Amino acid sequence: MIRSSKNQLNDNKPASYLPWLTDELKQEVRKHFEPKYKRKLTDDEVYEITDNLTEVMEAYLKMKLREKYENK
């Protein structure tokens, strides 16, 4: 994902556009992904990871709904 400037994610969305991303959830993301990256993650990286995971889940759910309702 390419950021056009600091504090912005793809599609020019500001990092703060994820209002449901609480401090507690950010810590959970860090807890899971920092060992994989073997370093501390920046806030922007946490937002980017969360945004990517959200997009993957949305795509998966849309695919499953299409399968369920288009096959009837």
N, C-alpha and C. Protein backbone atom coordinates (compact mmCIF):
# COMPACT_ATOMS: atom_id res chain seq x y z
N MET A 1 0.84 -1.16 0.00
CA MET A 1 0.00 0.00 0.00
C MET A 1 0.89 1.23 0.00
N ILE A 2 0.58 2.19 -0.79
CA ILE A 2 1.39 3.39 -0.90
C ILE A 2 0.68 4.55 -0.21
N ARG A 3 1.38 5.21 0.66
CA ARG A 3 0.83 6.37 1.33
C ARG A 3 1.31 7.62 0.63
N SER A 4 0.41 8.53 0.39
CA SER A 4 0.79 9.77 -0.27
C SER A 4 1.48 10.73 0.70
N SER A 5 1.21 10.59 1.96
CA SER A 5 1.89 11.40 2.97
C SER A 5 1.74 10.70 4.31
N LYS A 6 2.50 11.17 5.27
CA LYS A 6 2.40 10.58 6.60
C LYS A 6 0.97 10.73 7.11
N ASN A 7 0.51 9.72 7.82
CA ASN A 7 -0.84 9.69 8.40
C ASN A 7 -1.93 9.49 7.35
N GLN A 8 -1.59 9.05 6.16
CA GLN A 8 -2.62 8.74 5.18
C GLN A 8 -2.37 7.35 4.60
N LEU A 9 -3.45 6.63 4.42
CA LEU A 9 -3.39 5.31 3.83
C LEU A 9 -3.79 5.41 2.38
N ASN A 10 -3.93 4.27 1.71
CA ASN A 10 -4.32 4.30 0.30
C ASN A 10 -5.64 5.01 0.11
N ASP A 11 -5.92 5.41 -1.10
CA ASP A 11 -7.14 6.14 -1.45
C ASP A 11 -7.26 7.46 -0.70
N ASN A 12 -6.15 7.98 -0.23
CA ASN A 12 -6.13 9.26 0.49
C ASN A 12 -7.02 9.28 1.73
N LYS A 13 -7.22 8.11 2.34
CA LYS A 13 -7.99 8.05 3.59
C LYS A 13 -7.06 8.37 4.74
N PRO A 14 -7.42 9.30 5.62
CA PRO A 14 -6.57 9.55 6.78
C PRO A 14 -6.59 8.34 7.71
N ALA A 15 -5.49 8.13 8.41
CA ALA A 15 -5.40 6.99 9.33
C ALA A 15 -6.52 7.01 10.36
N SER A 16 -7.02 8.19 10.69
CA SER A 16 -8.07 8.30 11.71
C SER A 16 -9.45 7.89 11.19
N TYR A 17 -9.55 7.46 9.92
CA TYR A 17 -10.87 7.07 9.42
C TYR A 17 -11.33 5.74 9.97
N LEU A 18 -10.53 5.09 10.79
CA LEU A 18 -10.92 3.83 11.44
C LEU A 18 -11.33 4.13 12.88
N PRO A 19 -12.49 4.74 13.08
CA PRO A 19 -12.85 5.16 14.43
C PRO A 19 -13.05 4.00 15.41
N TRP A 20 -13.31 2.81 14.90
CA TRP A 20 -13.51 1.65 15.76
C TRP A 20 -12.19 1.04 16.21
N LEU A 21 -11.07 1.51 15.69
CA LEU A 21 -9.77 0.96 16.06
C LEU A 21 -9.33 1.57 17.39
N THR A 22 -9.68 0.88 18.44
CA THR A 22 -9.39 1.36 19.80
C THR A 22 -7.92 1.12 20.15
N ASP A 23 -7.47 1.74 21.21
CA ASP A 23 -6.11 1.52 21.69
C ASP A 23 -5.90 0.05 22.04
N GLU A 24 -6.91 -0.57 22.62
CA GLU A 24 -6.82 -1.98 22.98
C GLU A 24 -6.64 -2.85 21.73
N LEU A 25 -7.40 -2.57 20.69
CA LEU A 25 -7.28 -3.34 19.45
C LEU A 25 -5.93 -3.09 18.77
N LYS A 26 -5.44 -1.85 18.82
CA LYS A 26 -4.10 -1.56 18.27
C LYS A 26 -3.04 -2.38 18.99
N GLN A 27 -3.18 -2.51 20.31
CA GLN A 27 -2.22 -3.31 21.07
C GLN A 27 -2.28 -4.78 20.68
N GLU A 28 -3.49 -5.28 20.40
CA GLU A 28 -3.63 -6.67 19.95
C GLU A 28 -2.96 -6.87 18.59
N VAL A 29 -3.12 -5.90 17.70
CA VAL A 29 -2.47 -5.99 16.38
C VAL A 29 -0.96 -6.00 16.57
N ARG A 30 -0.47 -5.11 17.42
CA ARG A 30 0.97 -5.07 17.68
C ARG A 30 1.46 -6.39 18.28
N LYS A 31 0.70 -6.91 19.24
CA LYS A 31 1.09 -8.15 19.90
C LYS A 31 1.23 -9.30 18.91
N HIS A 32 0.37 -9.32 17.92
CA HIS A 32 0.39 -10.40 16.94
C HIS A 32 1.44 -10.18 15.85
N PHE A 33 1.57 -8.96 15.36
CA PHE A 33 2.40 -8.71 14.17
C PHE A 33 3.84 -8.29 14.48
N GLU A 34 4.11 -7.66 15.62
CA GLU A 34 5.48 -7.25 15.90
C GLU A 34 6.45 -8.44 15.95
N PRO A 35 6.07 -9.57 16.53
CA PRO A 35 7.00 -10.71 16.48
C PRO A 35 7.27 -11.20 15.05
N LYS A 36 6.29 -11.09 14.18
CA LYS A 36 6.48 -11.51 12.79
C LYS A 36 7.42 -10.56 12.05
N TYR A 37 7.33 -9.25 12.35
CA TYR A 37 8.19 -8.26 11.71
C TYR A 37 9.53 -8.10 12.44
N LYS A 38 9.60 -8.65 13.66
CA LYS A 38 10.80 -8.58 14.49
C LYS A 38 11.25 -7.15 14.78
N ARG A 39 10.25 -6.27 14.96
CA ARG A 39 10.52 -4.88 15.31
C ARG A 39 9.22 -4.23 15.78
N LYS A 40 9.35 -3.05 16.39
CA LYS A 40 8.15 -2.30 16.78
C LYS A 40 7.51 -1.71 15.54
N LEU A 41 6.19 -1.72 15.50
CA LEU A 41 5.44 -1.16 14.38
C LEU A 41 5.06 0.28 14.68
N THR A 42 5.06 1.10 13.65
CA THR A 42 4.59 2.48 13.81
C THR A 42 3.07 2.48 13.85
N ASP A 43 2.50 3.57 14.28
CA ASP A 43 1.04 3.69 14.27
C ASP A 43 0.50 3.56 12.85
N ASP A 44 1.19 4.16 11.89
CA ASP A 44 0.74 4.05 10.49
C ASP A 44 0.73 2.61 10.02
N GLU A 45 1.72 1.83 10.42
CA GLU A 45 1.77 0.42 10.03
C GLU A 45 0.63 -0.37 10.66
N VAL A 46 0.30 -0.05 11.90
CA VAL A 46 -0.82 -0.71 12.58
C VAL A 46 -2.12 -0.39 11.84
N TYR A 47 -2.32 0.88 11.46
CA TYR A 47 -3.50 1.26 10.70
C TYR A 47 -3.54 0.53 9.36
N GLU A 48 -2.39 0.44 8.70
CA GLU A 48 -2.33 -0.20 7.39
C GLU A 48 -2.65 -1.69 7.50
N ILE A 49 -2.10 -2.37 8.49
CA ILE A 49 -2.38 -3.79 8.70
C ILE A 49 -3.86 -3.98 8.98
N THR A 50 -4.42 -3.16 9.85
CA THR A 50 -5.83 -3.26 10.20
C THR A 50 -6.72 -3.00 9.00
N ASP A 51 -6.37 -2.00 8.22
CA ASP A 51 -7.14 -1.67 7.02
C ASP A 51 -7.09 -2.83 6.02
N ASN A 52 -5.91 -3.41 5.83
CA ASN A 52 -5.78 -4.54 4.90
C ASN A 52 -6.58 -5.74 5.38
N LEU A 53 -6.51 -6.04 6.66
CA LEU A 53 -7.29 -7.17 7.19
C LEU A 53 -8.78 -6.95 7.03
N THR A 54 -9.21 -5.72 7.26
CA THR A 54 -10.63 -5.39 7.09
C THR A 54 -11.07 -5.59 5.64
N GLU A 55 -10.24 -5.14 4.70
CA GLU A 55 -10.58 -5.30 3.28
C GLU A 55 -10.62 -6.76 2.88
N VAL A 56 -9.71 -7.57 3.40
CA VAL A 56 -9.72 -9.01 3.10
C VAL A 56 -10.99 -9.66 3.64
N MET A 57 -11.36 -9.30 4.87
CA MET A 57 -12.58 -9.87 5.46
C MET A 57 -13.82 -9.44 4.69
N GLU A 58 -13.88 -8.19 4.26
CA GLU A 58 -15.03 -7.71 3.48
C GLU A 58 -15.13 -8.48 2.17
N ALA A 59 -14.00 -8.68 1.50
CA ALA A 59 -14.00 -9.41 0.23
C ALA A 59 -14.44 -10.86 0.44
N TYR A 60 -13.95 -11.48 1.50
CA TYR A 60 -14.33 -12.86 1.80
C TYR A 60 -15.83 -12.97 2.08
N LEU A 61 -16.34 -12.07 2.90
CA LEU A 61 -17.77 -12.12 3.23
C LEU A 61 -18.64 -11.85 2.00
N LYS A 62 -18.23 -10.92 1.15
CA LYS A 62 -18.98 -10.66 -0.09
C LYS A 62 -18.99 -11.89 -0.98
N MET A 63 -17.84 -12.57 -1.08
CA MET A 63 -17.76 -13.79 -1.88
C MET A 63 -18.70 -14.87 -1.33
N LYS A 64 -18.68 -15.04 -0.03
CA LYS A 64 -19.54 -16.06 0.59
C LYS A 64 -21.02 -15.73 0.40
N LEU A 65 -21.38 -14.46 0.51
CA LEU A 65 -22.78 -14.07 0.31
C LEU A 65 -23.20 -14.29 -1.14
N ARG A 66 -22.30 -13.97 -2.08
CA ARG A 66 -22.61 -14.22 -3.51
C ARG A 66 -22.82 -15.70 -3.75
N GLU A 67 -21.95 -16.53 -3.19
CA GLU A 67 -22.09 -17.98 -3.34
C GLU A 67 -23.43 -18.45 -2.78
N LYS A 68 -23.79 -17.92 -1.65
CA LYS A 68 -25.01 -18.36 -0.98
C LYS A 68 -26.26 -17.97 -1.76
N TYR A 69 -26.30 -16.72 -2.26
CA TYR A 69 -27.53 -16.22 -2.87
C TYR A 69 -27.58 -16.35 -4.39
N GLU A 70 -26.44 -16.50 -5.05
CA GLU A 70 -26.48 -16.64 -6.50
C GLU A 70 -26.67 -18.08 -6.94
N ASN A 71 -26.50 -19.02 -6.05
CA ASN A 71 -26.65 -20.42 -6.39
C ASN A 71 -28.06 -20.95 -6.12
N LYS A 72 -28.98 -20.09 -5.78
CA LYS A 72 -30.35 -20.53 -5.48
C LYS A 72 -31.23 -20.37 -6.67
